[in-house]
N, C-alpha and C. Protein backbone atom coordinates (compact mmCIF):
# COMPACT_ATOMS: atom_id res chain seq x y z
N PRO A 1 0.83 -1.20 0.00
CA PRO A 1 0.00 0.00 0.00
C PRO A 1 0.87 1.26 0.00
N PRO A 2 0.36 2.36 -0.55
CA PRO A 2 1.13 3.62 -0.52
C PRO A 2 1.43 4.04 0.92
N LEU A 3 2.62 4.55 1.13
CA LEU A 3 3.05 4.95 2.47
C LEU A 3 3.16 6.46 2.55
N ASP A 4 2.70 7.03 3.65
CA ASP A 4 2.81 8.47 3.91
C ASP A 4 4.13 8.71 4.61
N LEU A 5 5.16 9.07 3.85
CA LEU A 5 6.49 9.27 4.41
C LEU A 5 6.87 10.74 4.39
N PRO A 6 7.64 11.19 5.37
CA PRO A 6 8.12 12.57 5.34
C PRO A 6 9.13 12.75 4.21
N ALA A 7 9.30 13.98 3.75
CA ALA A 7 10.27 14.27 2.68
C ALA A 7 11.70 14.10 3.18
N GLU A 8 11.93 14.42 4.45
CA GLU A 8 13.25 14.24 5.04
C GLU A 8 13.10 14.07 6.54
N VAL A 9 14.14 13.48 7.15
CA VAL A 9 14.15 13.22 8.59
C VAL A 9 15.50 13.66 9.14
N GLU A 10 15.47 14.26 10.30
CA GLU A 10 16.70 14.74 10.95
C GLU A 10 17.62 13.57 11.30
N ALA A 11 18.90 13.71 10.97
CA ALA A 11 19.91 12.73 11.35
C ALA A 11 20.35 13.03 12.78
N ARG A 12 20.44 12.00 13.62
CA ARG A 12 20.80 12.18 15.03
C ARG A 12 22.26 11.86 15.34
N ARG A 13 22.74 10.70 14.83
CA ARG A 13 24.11 10.30 15.16
C ARG A 13 24.50 9.10 14.30
N TRP A 14 25.80 8.85 14.21
CA TRP A 14 26.34 7.62 13.63
C TRP A 14 26.27 6.55 14.70
N ASP A 15 26.11 5.30 14.29
CA ASP A 15 26.11 4.21 15.27
C ASP A 15 26.42 2.90 14.55
N ARG A 16 26.54 1.85 15.31
CA ARG A 16 26.66 0.50 14.78
C ARG A 16 25.46 -0.29 15.25
N PHE A 17 24.90 -1.10 14.37
CA PHE A 17 23.88 -2.05 14.77
C PHE A 17 24.54 -3.41 14.65
N GLY A 18 24.65 -4.09 15.76
CA GLY A 18 25.41 -5.34 15.77
C GLY A 18 26.88 -5.02 15.60
N ARG A 19 27.64 -5.98 15.11
CA ARG A 19 29.07 -5.77 14.91
C ARG A 19 29.39 -5.19 13.56
N ARG A 20 28.49 -5.33 12.59
CA ARG A 20 28.88 -5.05 11.22
C ARG A 20 28.19 -3.86 10.56
N ALA A 21 26.99 -3.50 10.93
CA ALA A 21 26.26 -2.45 10.22
C ALA A 21 26.64 -1.06 10.75
N VAL A 22 27.03 -0.18 9.84
CA VAL A 22 27.31 1.23 10.16
C VAL A 22 26.10 2.02 9.68
N VAL A 23 25.47 2.75 10.61
CA VAL A 23 24.20 3.41 10.31
C VAL A 23 24.20 4.87 10.75
N VAL A 24 23.29 5.63 10.15
CA VAL A 24 22.93 6.96 10.66
C VAL A 24 21.56 6.77 11.32
N VAL A 25 21.50 7.05 12.61
CA VAL A 25 20.24 6.96 13.36
C VAL A 25 19.44 8.22 13.07
N LEU A 26 18.15 8.03 12.78
CA LEU A 26 17.27 9.15 12.45
C LEU A 26 16.36 9.49 13.61
N ARG A 27 15.89 10.75 13.62
CA ARG A 27 14.91 11.17 14.63
C ARG A 27 13.66 10.30 14.47
N GLU A 28 13.09 9.91 15.59
CA GLU A 28 11.86 9.11 15.55
C GLU A 28 10.77 9.93 14.88
N ASP A 29 10.02 9.30 14.01
CA ASP A 29 8.96 9.97 13.27
C ASP A 29 7.79 9.00 13.19
N GLU A 30 6.60 9.47 13.54
CA GLU A 30 5.43 8.59 13.56
C GLU A 30 5.12 8.02 12.18
N ARG A 31 5.37 8.79 11.12
CA ARG A 31 5.10 8.27 9.77
C ARG A 31 6.05 7.14 9.41
N LEU A 32 7.32 7.23 9.84
CA LEU A 32 8.25 6.13 9.61
C LEU A 32 7.83 4.90 10.41
N ARG A 33 7.43 5.13 11.65
CA ARG A 33 6.98 4.02 12.51
C ARG A 33 5.76 3.34 11.91
N GLN A 34 4.81 4.12 11.41
CA GLN A 34 3.60 3.56 10.79
C GLN A 34 3.95 2.79 9.52
N ALA A 35 4.86 3.30 8.71
CA ALA A 35 5.28 2.59 7.50
C ALA A 35 5.92 1.25 7.87
N ALA A 36 6.74 1.25 8.92
CA ALA A 36 7.36 0.00 9.36
C ALA A 36 6.30 -0.99 9.83
N ARG A 37 5.32 -0.53 10.61
CA ARG A 37 4.24 -1.42 11.07
C ARG A 37 3.49 -2.01 9.89
N CYS A 38 3.23 -1.20 8.87
CA CYS A 38 2.53 -1.67 7.67
C CYS A 38 3.36 -2.75 6.97
N GLY A 39 4.64 -2.50 6.82
CA GLY A 39 5.53 -3.48 6.19
C GLY A 39 5.61 -4.77 6.97
N PHE A 40 5.70 -4.66 8.31
CA PHE A 40 5.76 -5.86 9.15
C PHE A 40 4.47 -6.67 9.03
N ALA A 41 3.32 -5.99 9.04
CA ALA A 41 2.03 -6.68 8.95
C ALA A 41 1.91 -7.41 7.61
N THR A 42 2.34 -6.75 6.53
CA THR A 42 2.28 -7.37 5.21
C THR A 42 3.19 -8.59 5.17
N ALA A 43 4.41 -8.46 5.67
CA ALA A 43 5.36 -9.58 5.66
C ALA A 43 4.85 -10.74 6.51
N GLU A 44 4.29 -10.44 7.69
CA GLU A 44 3.78 -11.51 8.57
C GLU A 44 2.65 -12.27 7.89
N ALA A 45 1.82 -11.57 7.11
CA ALA A 45 0.70 -12.23 6.44
C ALA A 45 1.17 -13.08 5.26
N GLU A 46 2.28 -12.72 4.64
CA GLU A 46 2.70 -13.41 3.42
C GLU A 46 3.88 -14.35 3.60
N VAL A 47 4.65 -14.19 4.66
CA VAL A 47 5.85 -15.01 4.86
C VAL A 47 5.75 -15.67 6.24
N PRO A 48 5.41 -16.96 6.27
CA PRO A 48 5.19 -17.63 7.56
C PRO A 48 6.38 -17.55 8.53
N SER A 49 7.60 -17.52 8.01
CA SER A 49 8.77 -17.51 8.88
C SER A 49 9.18 -16.11 9.33
N PHE A 50 8.46 -15.06 8.87
CA PHE A 50 8.84 -13.69 9.21
C PHE A 50 8.60 -13.40 10.68
N ARG A 51 9.55 -12.74 11.30
CA ARG A 51 9.42 -12.27 12.68
C ARG A 51 9.75 -10.78 12.70
N ALA A 52 8.81 -9.98 13.14
CA ALA A 52 9.06 -8.53 13.23
C ALA A 52 10.11 -8.28 14.31
N PRO A 53 10.94 -7.24 14.13
CA PRO A 53 11.92 -6.92 15.17
C PRO A 53 11.23 -6.48 16.46
N ALA A 54 11.92 -6.64 17.56
CA ALA A 54 11.36 -6.28 18.87
C ALA A 54 11.06 -4.79 18.96
N ALA A 55 11.89 -3.97 18.33
CA ALA A 55 11.69 -2.52 18.39
C ALA A 55 12.07 -1.91 17.05
N PHE A 56 11.36 -0.86 16.67
CA PHE A 56 11.67 -0.14 15.44
C PHE A 56 12.72 0.90 15.76
N ARG A 57 13.78 0.94 14.96
CA ARG A 57 14.83 1.95 15.11
C ARG A 57 15.01 2.62 13.75
N ALA A 58 14.56 3.86 13.65
CA ALA A 58 14.67 4.59 12.38
C ALA A 58 16.15 4.82 12.08
N HIS A 59 16.60 4.33 10.91
CA HIS A 59 18.00 4.46 10.56
C HIS A 59 18.19 4.24 9.06
N VAL A 60 19.37 4.61 8.59
CA VAL A 60 19.80 4.31 7.24
C VAL A 60 21.12 3.55 7.37
N THR A 61 21.17 2.34 6.82
CA THR A 61 22.42 1.57 6.83
C THR A 61 23.28 2.07 5.68
N LEU A 62 24.49 2.50 6.01
CA LEU A 62 25.38 3.05 4.98
C LEU A 62 26.51 2.11 4.62
N GLY A 63 26.69 1.07 5.39
CA GLY A 63 27.75 0.13 5.05
C GLY A 63 27.82 -0.99 6.07
N ARG A 64 28.57 -2.00 5.72
CA ARG A 64 28.81 -3.13 6.60
C ARG A 64 30.30 -3.39 6.64
N VAL A 65 30.78 -3.74 7.82
CA VAL A 65 32.18 -4.06 8.03
C VAL A 65 32.40 -5.50 7.55
N ARG A 66 33.49 -5.74 6.84
CA ARG A 66 33.79 -7.09 6.37
C ARG A 66 33.93 -8.05 7.55
N THR A 67 33.55 -9.28 7.33
CA THR A 67 33.69 -10.32 8.35
C THR A 67 35.15 -10.39 8.77
N GLY A 68 35.37 -10.37 10.07
CA GLY A 68 36.72 -10.46 10.62
C GLY A 68 37.41 -9.12 10.79
N ALA A 69 36.90 -8.06 10.17
CA ALA A 69 37.50 -6.73 10.30
C ALA A 69 36.97 -6.05 11.56
N ALA A 70 37.77 -5.14 12.09
CA ALA A 70 37.36 -4.39 13.28
C ALA A 70 36.38 -3.30 12.89
N PRO A 71 35.24 -3.20 13.58
CA PRO A 71 34.30 -2.12 13.28
C PRO A 71 34.84 -0.80 13.82
N PRO A 72 34.34 0.32 13.29
CA PRO A 72 34.79 1.62 13.82
C PRO A 72 34.34 1.79 15.27
N ALA A 73 35.17 2.41 16.06
CA ALA A 73 34.82 2.68 17.46
C ALA A 73 33.75 3.76 17.51
N ARG A 74 32.84 3.65 18.45
CA ARG A 74 31.77 4.65 18.57
C ARG A 74 32.35 6.04 18.85
N GLY A 75 33.42 6.12 19.60
CA GLY A 75 34.05 7.42 19.86
C GLY A 75 34.56 8.06 18.58
N ALA A 76 35.14 7.26 17.70
CA ALA A 76 35.62 7.78 16.41
C ALA A 76 34.43 8.19 15.55
N MET A 77 33.37 7.40 15.56
CA MET A 77 32.19 7.71 14.76
C MET A 77 31.54 9.02 15.22
N ALA A 78 31.64 9.33 16.50
CA ALA A 78 31.05 10.56 17.03
C ALA A 78 31.72 11.80 16.43
N ARG A 79 32.93 11.64 15.91
CA ARG A 79 33.66 12.77 15.31
C ARG A 79 33.44 12.87 13.80
N TRP A 80 32.76 11.90 13.20
CA TRP A 80 32.49 11.96 11.76
C TRP A 80 31.48 13.06 11.46
N PRO A 81 31.60 13.73 10.31
CA PRO A 81 30.58 14.72 9.93
C PRO A 81 29.21 14.03 9.81
N LEU A 82 28.19 14.72 10.24
CA LEU A 82 26.84 14.16 10.22
C LEU A 82 25.94 15.04 9.36
N PRO A 83 25.20 14.45 8.43
CA PRO A 83 24.26 15.28 7.66
C PRO A 83 23.19 15.83 8.58
N THR A 84 22.67 17.00 8.26
CA THR A 84 21.62 17.57 9.11
C THR A 84 20.30 16.83 8.93
N ALA A 85 20.08 16.32 7.71
CA ALA A 85 18.84 15.60 7.43
C ALA A 85 19.10 14.56 6.35
N VAL A 86 18.23 13.58 6.30
CA VAL A 86 18.31 12.53 5.28
C VAL A 86 17.02 12.59 4.47
N ALA A 87 17.15 12.74 3.15
CA ALA A 87 15.98 12.77 2.28
C ALA A 87 15.37 11.37 2.19
N ILE A 88 14.07 11.32 2.24
CA ILE A 88 13.35 10.05 2.15
C ILE A 88 12.75 9.95 0.75
N GLY A 89 13.19 8.96 0.00
CA GLY A 89 12.67 8.74 -1.35
C GLY A 89 11.63 7.64 -1.33
N ARG A 90 11.37 7.12 -2.51
CA ARG A 90 10.42 6.02 -2.61
C ARG A 90 11.04 4.77 -1.99
N PRO A 91 10.31 4.11 -1.11
CA PRO A 91 10.88 2.93 -0.45
C PRO A 91 10.96 1.72 -1.37
N THR A 92 11.93 0.89 -1.09
CA THR A 92 12.11 -0.38 -1.77
C THR A 92 12.16 -1.47 -0.70
N LEU A 93 11.44 -2.55 -0.92
CA LEU A 93 11.46 -3.69 -0.02
C LEU A 93 12.51 -4.68 -0.50
N PHE A 94 13.39 -5.09 0.40
CA PHE A 94 14.46 -6.02 0.07
C PHE A 94 14.27 -7.34 0.78
N ARG A 95 14.66 -8.41 0.11
CA ARG A 95 14.75 -9.73 0.73
C ARG A 95 16.23 -9.94 1.01
N VAL A 96 16.55 -10.39 2.22
CA VAL A 96 17.93 -10.64 2.60
C VAL A 96 18.17 -12.14 2.55
N ARG A 97 19.20 -12.52 1.84
CA ARG A 97 19.58 -13.93 1.74
C ARG A 97 20.96 -14.09 2.38
N PRO A 98 21.01 -14.77 3.53
CA PRO A 98 22.33 -14.97 4.17
C PRO A 98 23.27 -15.74 3.25
N SER A 99 24.51 -15.34 3.26
CA SER A 99 25.51 -16.00 2.43
C SER A 99 25.99 -17.26 3.11
N PRO A 100 26.00 -18.39 2.40
CA PRO A 100 26.50 -19.63 3.01
C PRO A 100 28.01 -19.59 3.22
N ARG A 101 28.71 -18.69 2.51
CA ARG A 101 30.17 -18.61 2.64
C ARG A 101 30.61 -17.58 3.67
N GLN A 102 29.66 -16.95 4.36
CA GLN A 102 29.97 -15.94 5.36
C GLN A 102 30.71 -14.74 4.78
N ASP A 103 30.47 -14.42 3.50
CA ASP A 103 31.15 -13.27 2.91
C ASP A 103 30.20 -12.09 2.74
N GLY A 104 29.09 -12.09 3.44
CA GLY A 104 28.14 -10.99 3.38
C GLY A 104 26.80 -11.43 2.83
N ASP A 105 25.76 -10.91 3.40
CA ASP A 105 24.41 -11.23 2.95
C ASP A 105 24.17 -10.67 1.56
N ARG A 106 23.21 -11.25 0.86
CA ARG A 106 22.80 -10.77 -0.45
C ARG A 106 21.44 -10.09 -0.30
N TYR A 107 21.29 -8.93 -0.90
CA TYR A 107 20.05 -8.18 -0.83
C TYR A 107 19.40 -8.17 -2.20
N GLU A 108 18.13 -8.55 -2.26
CA GLU A 108 17.38 -8.61 -3.51
C GLU A 108 16.17 -7.70 -3.41
N ALA A 109 16.08 -6.70 -4.29
CA ALA A 109 14.93 -5.81 -4.32
C ALA A 109 13.73 -6.60 -4.83
N ILE A 110 12.64 -6.60 -4.05
CA ILE A 110 11.46 -7.38 -4.48
C ILE A 110 10.22 -6.52 -4.70
N ALA A 111 10.21 -5.28 -4.22
CA ALA A 111 9.06 -4.41 -4.46
C ALA A 111 9.50 -2.96 -4.32
N HIS A 112 8.91 -2.10 -5.18
CA HIS A 112 9.17 -0.66 -5.14
C HIS A 112 7.84 0.08 -5.03
N GLN A 113 7.80 1.12 -4.21
CA GLN A 113 6.60 1.96 -4.18
C GLN A 113 6.72 2.96 -5.30
N ARG A 114 5.65 3.15 -6.04
CA ARG A 114 5.66 4.10 -7.16
C ARG A 114 5.23 5.46 -6.72
């Protein structure tokens, strides 16, 4: 279904999610939260093995650290330049396929909002 998304969202800080994902954390926004709930509900109805995350964390993943490499320290990340806002474009739904060789997950675009 069409999603009511803001044109842009304030960037709060750099962070790591887990050991490998480098992200920009975004200001919480009810429209982003509602879009996530809609996506989770659709996935739960169509994919029996889908499990929604325990909590929604508005963010943009900008990269992943290679397996075995040291992730950036949070103190160092705090000194990186931070954009004032992140533009929100048309969302794309991705399917994540874990790599059997442990060389990084594969992301497949499966749906685009027009």
